[in-house]
Amino acid sequence: MPPIVVQSALLVGFAILFEAGLSFLGLSDPDVMSWGAMMGNNRPFILQHAFTIMYPGLAIFITVLAISLVGDGLNDALNPKLRKR
């Protein structure tokens, strides 16, 4: 079970980054808002208002980091090999 938890956490983080990257490039549905689309739509304003790209990027980073840390914590809690140490 622990390898499945770790793999799932990695795949969810990868899916978030993949979706944000495709949305940033404009390859997603324009009617659906996402953090990547927010960053992509605000590219022309980066010199005047850098926070318009910084905040969605920070949200992506924190979300993926949190999911990875939760997956690692579940692995530590559920893996009997790590409990013996």
PDB file of N, CA and C in Angstrom:
ATOM      1  N   MET A   1       0.802  -1.209   0.000  1.00  0.00           N
ATOM      2  CA  MET A   1       0.000   0.000   0.000  1.00  0.00           C
ATOM      3  C   MET A   1       0.846   1.276   0.000  1.00  0.00           C
ATOM      4  N   PRO A   2       1.931   1.372   0.781  1.00  0.00           N
ATOM      5  CA  PRO A   2       2.702   2.623   0.786  1.00  0.00           C
ATOM      6  C   PRO A   2       3.253   3.037  -0.582  1.00  0.00           C
ATOM      7  N   PRO A   3       3.743   2.100  -1.421  1.00  0.00           N
ATOM      8  CA  PRO A   3       4.209   2.565  -2.733  1.00  0.00           C
ATOM      9  C   PRO A   3       3.086   3.157  -3.583  1.00  0.00           C
ATOM     10  N   ILE A   4       1.870   2.653  -3.394  1.00  0.00           N
ATOM     11  CA  ILE A   4       0.739   3.199  -4.142  1.00  0.00           C
ATOM     12  C   ILE A   4       0.448   4.627  -3.692  1.00  0.00           C
ATOM     13  N   VAL A   5       0.559   4.882  -2.405  1.00  0.00           N
ATOM     14  CA  VAL A   5       0.312   6.227  -1.868  1.00  0.00           C
ATOM     15  C   VAL A   5       1.341   7.210  -2.415  1.00  0.00           C
ATOM     16  N   VAL A   6       2.586   6.812  -2.404  1.00  0.00           N
ATOM     17  CA  VAL A   6       3.653   7.687  -2.903  1.00  0.00           C
ATOM     18  C   VAL A   6       3.484   7.929  -4.401  1.00  0.00           C
ATOM     19  N   GLN A   7       3.199   6.873  -5.149  1.00  0.00           N
ATOM     20  CA  GLN A   7       3.014   7.009  -6.593  1.00  0.00           C
ATOM     21  C   GLN A   7       1.807   7.896  -6.899  1.00  0.00           C
ATOM     22  N   SER A   8       0.737   7.739  -6.145  1.00  0.00           N
ATOM     23  CA  SER A   8      -0.452   8.574  -6.353  1.00  0.00           C
ATOM     24  C   SER A   8      -0.153  10.042  -6.077  1.00  0.00           C
ATOM     25  N   ALA A   9       0.582  10.311  -5.010  1.00  0.00           N
ATOM     26  CA  ALA A   9       0.936  11.697  -4.692  1.00  0.00           C
ATOM     27  C   ALA A   9       1.803  12.301  -5.793  1.00  0.00           C
ATOM     28  N   LEU A  10       2.736  11.523  -6.303  1.00  0.00           N
ATOM     29  CA  LEU A  10       3.585  12.021  -7.388  1.00  0.00           C
ATOM     30  C   LEU A  10       2.773  12.276  -8.653  1.00  0.00           C
ATOM     31  N   LEU A  11       1.845  11.377  -8.957  1.00  0.00           N
ATOM     32  CA  LEU A  11       1.036  11.547 -10.162  1.00  0.00           C
ATOM     33  C   LEU A  11       0.084  12.737 -10.055  1.00  0.00           C
ATOM     34  N   VAL A  12      -0.463  12.980  -8.878  1.00  0.00           N
ATOM     35  CA  VAL A  12      -1.342  14.141  -8.705  1.00  0.00           C
ATOM     36  C   VAL A  12      -0.538  15.429  -8.871  1.00  0.00           C
ATOM     37  N   GLY A  13       0.644  15.481  -8.277  1.00  0.00           N
ATOM     38  CA  GLY A  13       1.501  16.651  -8.447  1.00  0.00           C
ATOM     39  C   GLY A  13       1.900  16.862  -9.895  1.00  0.00           C
ATOM     40  N   PHE A  14       2.227  15.766 -10.582  1.00  0.00           N
ATOM     41  CA  PHE A  14       2.581  15.865 -11.997  1.00  0.00           C
ATOM     42  C   PHE A  14       1.392  16.338 -12.821  1.00  0.00           C
ATOM     43  N   ALA A  15       0.196  15.850 -12.510  1.00  0.00           N
ATOM     44  CA  ALA A  15      -1.000  16.252 -13.254  1.00  0.00           C
ATOM     45  C   ALA A  15      -1.283  17.743 -13.081  1.00  0.00           C
ATOM     46  N   ILE A  16      -1.087  18.250 -11.875  1.00  0.00           N
ATOM     47  CA  ILE A  16      -1.299  19.684 -11.639  1.00  0.00           C
ATOM     48  C   ILE A  16      -0.303  20.503 -12.450  1.00  0.00           C
ATOM     49  N   LEU A  17       0.960  20.107 -12.428  1.00  0.00           N
ATOM     50  CA  LEU A  17       1.979  20.832 -13.196  1.00  0.00           C
ATOM     51  C   LEU A  17       1.736  20.724 -14.697  1.00  0.00           C
ATOM     52  N   PHE A  18       1.322  19.552 -15.157  1.00  0.00           N
ATOM     53  CA  PHE A  18       1.065  19.335 -16.581  1.00  0.00           C
ATOM     54  C   PHE A  18      -0.107  20.198 -17.049  1.00  0.00           C
ATOM     55  N   GLU A  19      -1.187  20.218 -16.271  1.00  0.00           N
ATOM     56  CA  GLU A  19      -2.353  21.017 -16.632  1.00  0.00           C
ATOM     57  C   GLU A  19      -2.016  22.503 -16.617  1.00  0.00           C
ATOM     58  N   ALA A  20      -1.262  22.937 -15.619  1.00  0.00           N
ATOM     59  CA  ALA A  20      -0.889  24.349 -15.543  1.00  0.00           C
ATOM     60  C   ALA A  20       0.014  24.736 -16.709  1.00  0.00           C
ATOM     61  N   GLY A  21       0.919  23.840 -17.078  1.00  0.00           N
ATOM     62  CA  GLY A  21       1.797  24.124 -18.212  1.00  0.00           C
ATOM     63  C   GLY A  21       1.040  24.229 -19.524  1.00  0.00           C
ATOM     64  N   LEU A  22       0.117  23.296 -19.751  1.00  0.00           N
ATOM     65  CA  LEU A  22      -0.677  23.359 -20.980  1.00  0.00           C
ATOM     66  C   LEU A  22      -1.579  24.589 -20.996  1.00  0.00           C
ATOM     67  N   SER A  23      -2.150  24.923 -19.860  1.00  0.00           N
ATOM     68  CA  SER A  23      -2.990  26.123 -19.785  1.00  0.00           C
ATOM     69  C   SER A  23      -2.169  27.384 -20.002  1.00  0.00           C
ATOM     70  N   PHE A  24      -0.951  27.403 -19.471  1.00  0.00           N
ATOM     71  CA  PHE A  24      -0.065  28.553 -19.656  1.00  0.00           C
ATOM     72  C   PHE A  24       0.239  28.766 -21.137  1.00  0.00           C
ATOM     73  N   LEU A  25       0.416  27.664 -21.859  1.00  0.00           N
ATOM     74  CA  LEU A  25       0.711  27.758 -23.287  1.00  0.00           C
ATOM     75  C   LEU A  25      -0.526  28.037 -24.134  1.00  0.00           C
ATOM     76  N   GLY A  26      -1.705  28.015 -23.527  1.00  0.00           N
ATOM     77  CA  GLY A  26      -2.935  28.291 -24.262  1.00  0.00           C
ATOM     78  C   GLY A  26      -3.537  27.071 -24.918  1.00  0.00           C
ATOM     79  N   LEU A  27      -3.163  25.885 -24.478  1.00  0.00           N
ATOM     80  CA  LEU A  27      -3.655  24.654 -25.086  1.00  0.00           C
ATOM     81  C   LEU A  27      -4.821  24.039 -24.321  1.00  0.00           C
ATOM     82  N   SER A  28      -5.493  24.827 -23.510  1.00  0.00           N
ATOM     83  CA  SER A  28      -6.640  24.322 -22.757  1.00  0.00           C
ATOM     84  C   SER A  28      -7.897  25.065 -23.200  1.00  0.00           C
ATOM     85  N   ASP A  29      -9.010  24.666 -22.636  1.00  0.00           N
ATOM     86  CA  ASP A  29     -10.280  25.318 -22.923  1.00  0.00           C
ATOM     87  C   ASP A  29     -10.248  26.744 -22.370  1.00  0.00           C
ATOM     88  N   PRO A  30     -10.496  27.750 -23.197  1.00  0.00           N
ATOM     89  CA  PRO A  30     -10.412  29.132 -22.705  1.00  0.00           C
ATOM     90  C   PRO A  30     -11.509  29.495 -21.707  1.00  0.00           C
ATOM     91  N   ASP A  31     -12.587  28.707 -21.650  1.00  0.00           N
ATOM     92  CA  ASP A  31     -13.667  29.002 -20.708  1.00  0.00           C
ATOM     93  C   ASP A  31     -13.371  28.512 -19.297  1.00  0.00           C
ATOM     94  N   VAL A  32     -12.389  27.639 -19.155  1.00  0.00           N
ATOM     95  CA  VAL A  32     -12.055  27.074 -17.850  1.00  0.00           C
ATOM     96  C   VAL A  32     -10.855  27.831 -17.286  1.00  0.00           C
ATOM     97  N   MET A  33     -11.038  28.401 -16.095  1.00  0.00           N
ATOM     98  CA  MET A  33      -9.924  29.115 -15.470  1.00  0.00           C
ATOM     99  C   MET A  33      -9.045  28.155 -14.691  1.00  0.00           C
ATOM    100  N   SER A  34      -7.772  28.358 -14.782  1.00  0.00           N
ATOM    101  CA  SER A  34      -6.813  27.583 -13.999  1.00  0.00           C
ATOM    102  C   SER A  34      -5.631  28.492 -13.700  1.00  0.00           C
ATOM    103  N   TRP A  35      -4.772  28.022 -12.817  1.00  0.00           N
ATOM    104  CA  TRP A  35      -3.614  28.830 -12.447  1.00  0.00           C
ATOM    105  C   TRP A  35      -2.694  29.048 -13.645  1.00  0.00           C
ATOM    106  N   GLY A  36      -2.542  28.053 -14.479  1.00  0.00           N
ATOM    107  CA  GLY A  36      -1.706  28.210 -15.670  1.00  0.00           C
ATOM    108  C   GLY A  36      -2.282  29.227 -16.635  1.00  0.00           C
ATOM    109  N   ALA A  37      -3.605  29.208 -16.809  1.00  0.00           N
ATOM    110  CA  ALA A  37      -4.250  30.186 -17.689  1.00  0.00           C
ATOM    111  C   ALA A  37      -4.130  31.592 -17.113  1.00  0.00           C
ATOM    112  N   MET A  38      -4.218  31.703 -15.790  1.00  0.00           N
ATOM    113  CA  MET A  38      -4.047  33.017 -15.160  1.00  0.00           C
ATOM    114  C   MET A  38      -2.654  33.563 -15.440  1.00  0.00           C
ATOM    115  N   MET A  39      -1.660  32.691 -15.368  1.00  0.00           N
ATOM    116  CA  MET A  39      -0.292  33.131 -15.648  1.00  0.00           C
ATOM    117  C   MET A  39      -0.130  33.479 -17.124  1.00  0.00           C
ATOM    118  N   GLY A  40      -0.679  32.650 -17.998  1.00  0.00           N
ATOM    119  CA  GLY A  40      -0.545  32.886 -19.429  1.00  0.00           C
ATOM    120  C   GLY A  40      -1.252  34.141 -19.896  1.00  0.00           C
ATOM    121  N   ASN A  41      -2.424  34.407 -19.342  1.00  0.00           N
ATOM    122  CA  ASN A  41      -3.178  35.597 -19.741  1.00  0.00           C
ATOM    123  C   ASN A  41      -2.531  36.883 -19.254  1.00  0.00           C
ATOM    124  N   ASN A  42      -1.730  36.806 -18.220  1.00  0.00           N
ATOM    125  CA  ASN A  42      -1.108  38.008 -17.646  1.00  0.00           C
ATOM    126  C   ASN A  42       0.344  38.198 -18.070  1.00  0.00           C
ATOM    127  N   ARG A  43       0.806  37.429 -19.036  1.00  0.00           N
ATOM    128  CA  ARG A  43       2.189  37.599 -19.508  1.00  0.00           C
ATOM    129  C   ARG A  43       2.491  39.008 -20.007  1.00  0.00           C
ATOM    130  N   PRO A  44       1.591  39.670 -20.738  1.00  0.00           N
ATOM    131  CA  PRO A  44       1.933  41.022 -21.216  1.00  0.00           C
ATOM    132  C   PRO A  44       2.122  42.049 -20.100  1.00  0.00           C
ATOM    133  N   PHE A  45       1.601  41.754 -18.916  1.00  0.00           N
ATOM    134  CA  PHE A  45       1.643  42.727 -17.824  1.00  0.00           C
ATOM    135  C   PHE A  45       2.711  42.410 -16.790  1.00  0.00           C
ATOM    136  N   ILE A  46       3.639  41.523 -17.101  1.00  0.00           N
ATOM    137  CA  ILE A  46       4.606  41.073 -16.092  1.00  0.00           C
ATOM    138  C   ILE A  46       5.531  42.202 -15.633  1.00  0.00           C
ATOM    139  N   LEU A  47       5.866  43.123 -16.499  1.00  0.00           N
ATOM    140  CA  LEU A  47       6.769  44.201 -16.097  1.00  0.00           C
ATOM    141  C   LEU A  47       6.065  45.241 -15.230  1.00  0.00           C
ATOM    142  N   GLN A  48       4.785  45.470 -15.475  1.00  0.00           N
ATOM    143  CA  GLN A  48       4.059  46.456 -14.680  1.00  0.00           C
ATOM    144  C   GLN A  48       3.513  45.852 -13.381  1.00  0.00           C
ATOM    145  N   HIS A  49       3.030  44.611 -13.451  1.00  0.00           N
ATOM    146  CA  HIS A  49       2.377  43.971 -12.306  1.00  0.00           C
ATOM    147  C   HIS A  49       2.874  42.534 -12.192  1.00  0.00           C
ATOM    148  N   ALA A  50       4.020  42.360 -11.584  1.00  0.00           N
ATOM    149  CA  ALA A  50       4.626  41.028 -11.492  1.00  0.00           C
ATOM    150  C   ALA A  50       3.817  40.081 -10.617  1.00  0.00           C
ATOM    151  N   PHE A  51       3.048  40.612  -9.689  1.00  0.00           N
ATOM    152  CA  PHE A  51       2.280  39.749  -8.789  1.00  0.00           C
ATOM    153  C   PHE A  51       1.204  38.961  -9.524  1.00  0.00           C
ATOM    154  N   THR A  52       0.786  39.433 -10.716  1.00  0.00           N
ATOM    155  CA  THR A  52      -0.254  38.710 -11.448  1.00  0.00           C
ATOM    156  C   THR A  52       0.225  37.348 -11.928  1.00  0.00           C
ATOM    157  N   ILE A  53       1.530  37.174 -12.048  1.00  0.00           N
ATOM    158  CA  ILE A  53       2.086  35.867 -12.398  1.00  0.00           C
ATOM    159  C   ILE A  53       2.657  35.186 -11.165  1.00  0.00           C
ATOM    160  N   MET A  54       3.136  35.968 -10.224  1.00  0.00           N
ATOM    161  CA  MET A  54       3.779  35.390  -9.042  1.00  0.00           C
ATOM    162  C   MET A  54       2.792  34.613  -8.166  1.00  0.00           C
ATOM    163  N   TYR A  55       1.601  35.144  -7.932  1.00  0.00           N
ATOM    164  CA  TYR A  55       0.658  34.489  -7.027  1.00  0.00           C
ATOM    165  C   TYR A  55       0.134  33.153  -7.560  1.00  0.00           C
ATOM    166  N   PRO A  56      -0.267  33.053  -8.827  1.00  0.00           N
ATOM    167  CA  PRO A  56      -0.669  31.727  -9.312  1.00  0.00           C
ATOM    168  C   PRO A  56       0.494  30.732  -9.316  1.00  0.00           C
ATOM    169  N   GLY A  57       1.695  31.190  -9.641  1.00  0.00           N
ATOM    170  CA  GLY A  57       2.861  30.302  -9.605  1.00  0.00           C
ATOM    171  C   GLY A  57       3.161  29.828  -8.200  1.00  0.00           C
ATOM    172  N   LEU A  58       3.017  30.719  -7.242  1.00  0.00           N
ATOM    173  CA  LEU A  58       3.214  30.351  -5.841  1.00  0.00           C
ATOM    174  C   LEU A  58       2.137  29.369  -5.375  1.00  0.00           C
ATOM    175  N   ALA A  59       0.914  29.555  -5.838  1.00  0.00           N
ATOM    176  CA  ALA A  59      -0.169  28.631  -5.488  1.00  0.00           C
ATOM    177  C   ALA A  59       0.094  27.239  -6.055  1.00  0.00           C
ATOM    178  N   ILE A  60       0.587  27.163  -7.277  1.00  0.00           N
ATOM    179  CA  ILE A  60       0.933  25.867  -7.874  1.00  0.00           C
ATOM    180  C   ILE A  60       2.040  25.211  -7.069  1.00  0.00           C
ATOM    181  N   PHE A  61       3.071  25.969  -6.746  1.00  0.00           N
ATOM    182  CA  PHE A  61       4.205  25.432  -5.994  1.00  0.00           C
ATOM    183  C   PHE A  61       3.772  24.901  -4.632  1.00  0.00           C
ATOM    184  N   ILE A  62       2.997  25.689  -3.900  1.00  0.00           N
ATOM    185  CA  ILE A  62       2.574  25.281  -2.555  1.00  0.00           C
ATOM    186  C   ILE A  62       1.659  24.062  -2.619  1.00  0.00           C
ATOM    187  N   THR A  63       0.770  24.015  -3.599  1.00  0.00           N
ATOM    188  CA  THR A  63      -0.139  22.874  -3.721  1.00  0.00           C
ATOM    189  C   THR A  63       0.613  21.593  -4.024  1.00  0.00           C
ATOM    190  N   VAL A  64       1.519  21.632  -4.984  1.00  0.00           N
ATOM    191  CA  VAL A  64       2.280  20.431  -5.342  1.00  0.00           C
ATOM    192  C   VAL A  64       3.190  20.013  -4.189  1.00  0.00           C
ATOM    193  N   LEU A  65       3.800  20.972  -3.517  1.00  0.00           N
ATOM    194  CA  LEU A  65       4.643  20.650  -2.364  1.00  0.00           C
ATOM    195  C   LEU A  65       3.825  20.014  -1.247  1.00  0.00           C
ATOM    196  N   ALA A  66       2.643  20.553  -0.968  1.00  0.00           N
ATOM    197  CA  ALA A  66       1.795  20.002   0.090  1.00  0.00           C
ATOM    198  C   ALA A  66       1.355  18.583  -0.236  1.00  0.00           C
ATOM    199  N   ILE A  67       0.983  18.330  -1.474  1.00  0.00           N
ATOM    200  CA  ILE A  67       0.574  16.980  -1.865  1.00  0.00           C
ATOM    201  C   ILE A  67       1.742  16.018  -1.739  1.00  0.00           C
ATOM    202  N   SER A  68       2.926  16.441  -2.126  1.00  0.00           N
ATOM    203  CA  SER A  68       4.105  15.578  -2.002  1.00  0.00           C
ATOM    204  C   SER A  68       4.436  15.292  -0.544  1.00  0.00           C
ATOM    205  N   LEU A  69       4.330  16.298   0.309  1.00  0.00           N
ATOM    206  CA  LEU A  69       4.614  16.096   1.733  1.00  0.00           C
ATOM    207  C   LEU A  69       3.576  15.197   2.399  1.00  0.00           C
ATOM    208  N   VAL A  70       2.322  15.331   2.006  1.00  0.00           N
ATOM    209  CA  VAL A  70       1.285  14.446   2.546  1.00  0.00           C
ATOM    210  C   VAL A  70       1.532  13.009   2.100  1.00  0.00           C
ATOM    211  N   GLY A  71       1.892  12.818   0.840  1.00  0.00           N
ATOM    212  CA  GLY A  71       2.210  11.474   0.359  1.00  0.00           C
ATOM    213  C   GLY A  71       3.399  10.878   1.078  1.00  0.00           C
ATOM    214  N   ASP A  72       4.418  11.680   1.323  1.00  0.00           N
ATOM    215  CA  ASP A  72       5.593  11.201   2.052  1.00  0.00           C
ATOM    216  C   ASP A  72       5.247  10.883   3.503  1.00  0.00           C
ATOM    217  N   GLY A  73       4.421  11.713   4.110  1.00  0.00           N
ATOM    218  CA  GLY A  73       3.997  11.454   5.484  1.00  0.00           C
ATOM    219  C   GLY A  73       3.165  10.190   5.597  1.00  0.00           C
ATOM    220  N   LEU A  74       2.282   9.968   4.638  1.00  0.00           N
ATOM    221  CA  LEU A  74       1.507   8.725   4.636  1.00  0.00           C
ATOM    222  C   LEU A  74       2.402   7.519   4.422  1.00  0.00           C
ATOM    223  N   ASN A  75       3.411   7.659   3.590  1.00  0.00           N
ATOM    224  CA  ASN A  75       4.361   6.568   3.384  1.00  0.00           C
ATOM    225  C   ASN A  75       5.091   6.251   4.680  1.00  0.00           C
ATOM    226  N   ASP A  76       5.526   7.269   5.388  1.00  0.00           N
ATOM    227  CA  ASP A  76       6.215   7.046   6.664  1.00  0.00           C
ATOM    228  C   ASP A  76       5.295   6.395   7.690  1.00  0.00           C
ATOM    229  N   ALA A  77       4.025   6.786   7.691  1.00  0.00           N
ATOM    230  CA  ALA A  77       3.089   6.246   8.677  1.00  0.00           C
ATOM    231  C   ALA A  77       2.644   4.822   8.347  1.00  0.00           C
ATOM    232  N   LEU A  78       2.530   4.506   7.068  1.00  0.00           N
ATOM    233  CA  LEU A  78       1.985   3.208   6.672  1.00  0.00           C
ATOM    234  C   LEU A  78       3.035   2.153   6.360  1.00  0.00           C
ATOM    235  N   ASN A  79       4.278   2.553   6.165  1.00  0.00           N
ATOM    236  CA  ASN A  79       5.318   1.603   5.775  1.00  0.00           C
ATOM    237  C   ASN A  79       5.904   0.947   7.023  1.00  0.00           C
ATOM    238  N   PRO A  80       5.709  -0.354   7.190  1.00  0.00           N
ATOM    239  CA  PRO A  80       6.237  -1.012   8.394  1.00  0.00           C
ATOM    240  C   PRO A  80       7.765  -1.067   8.429  1.00  0.00           C
ATOM    241  N   LYS A  81       8.414  -1.024   7.295  1.00  0.00           N
ATOM    242  CA  LYS A  81       9.880  -1.048   7.268  1.00  0.00           C
ATOM    243  C   LYS A  81      10.466   0.229   7.862  1.00  0.00           C
ATOM    244  N   LEU A  82       9.780   1.340   7.675  1.00  0.00           N
ATOM    245  CA  LEU A  82      10.274   2.614   8.203  1.00  0.00           C
ATOM    246  C   LEU A  82       9.947   2.783   9.682  1.00  0.00           C
ATOM    247  N   ARG A  83       8.953   2.076  10.195  1.00  0.00           N
ATOM    248  CA  ARG A  83       8.583   2.188  11.606  1.00  0.00           C
ATOM    249  C   ARG A  83       9.611   1.552  12.523  1.00  0.00           C
ATOM    250  N   LYS A  84      10.331   0.543  12.053  1.00  0.00           N
ATOM    251  CA  LYS A  84      11.283  -0.189  12.893  1.00  0.00           C
ATOM    252  C   LYS A  84      12.523   0.625  13.210  1.00  0.00           C
ATOM    253  N   ARG A  85      12.790   1.650  12.440  1.00  0.00           N
ATOM    254  CA  ARG A  85      14.007   2.446  12.638  1.00  0.00           C
ATOM    255  C   ARG A  85      13.910   3.305  13.845  1.00  0.00           C
TER     256      ARG A  85
END
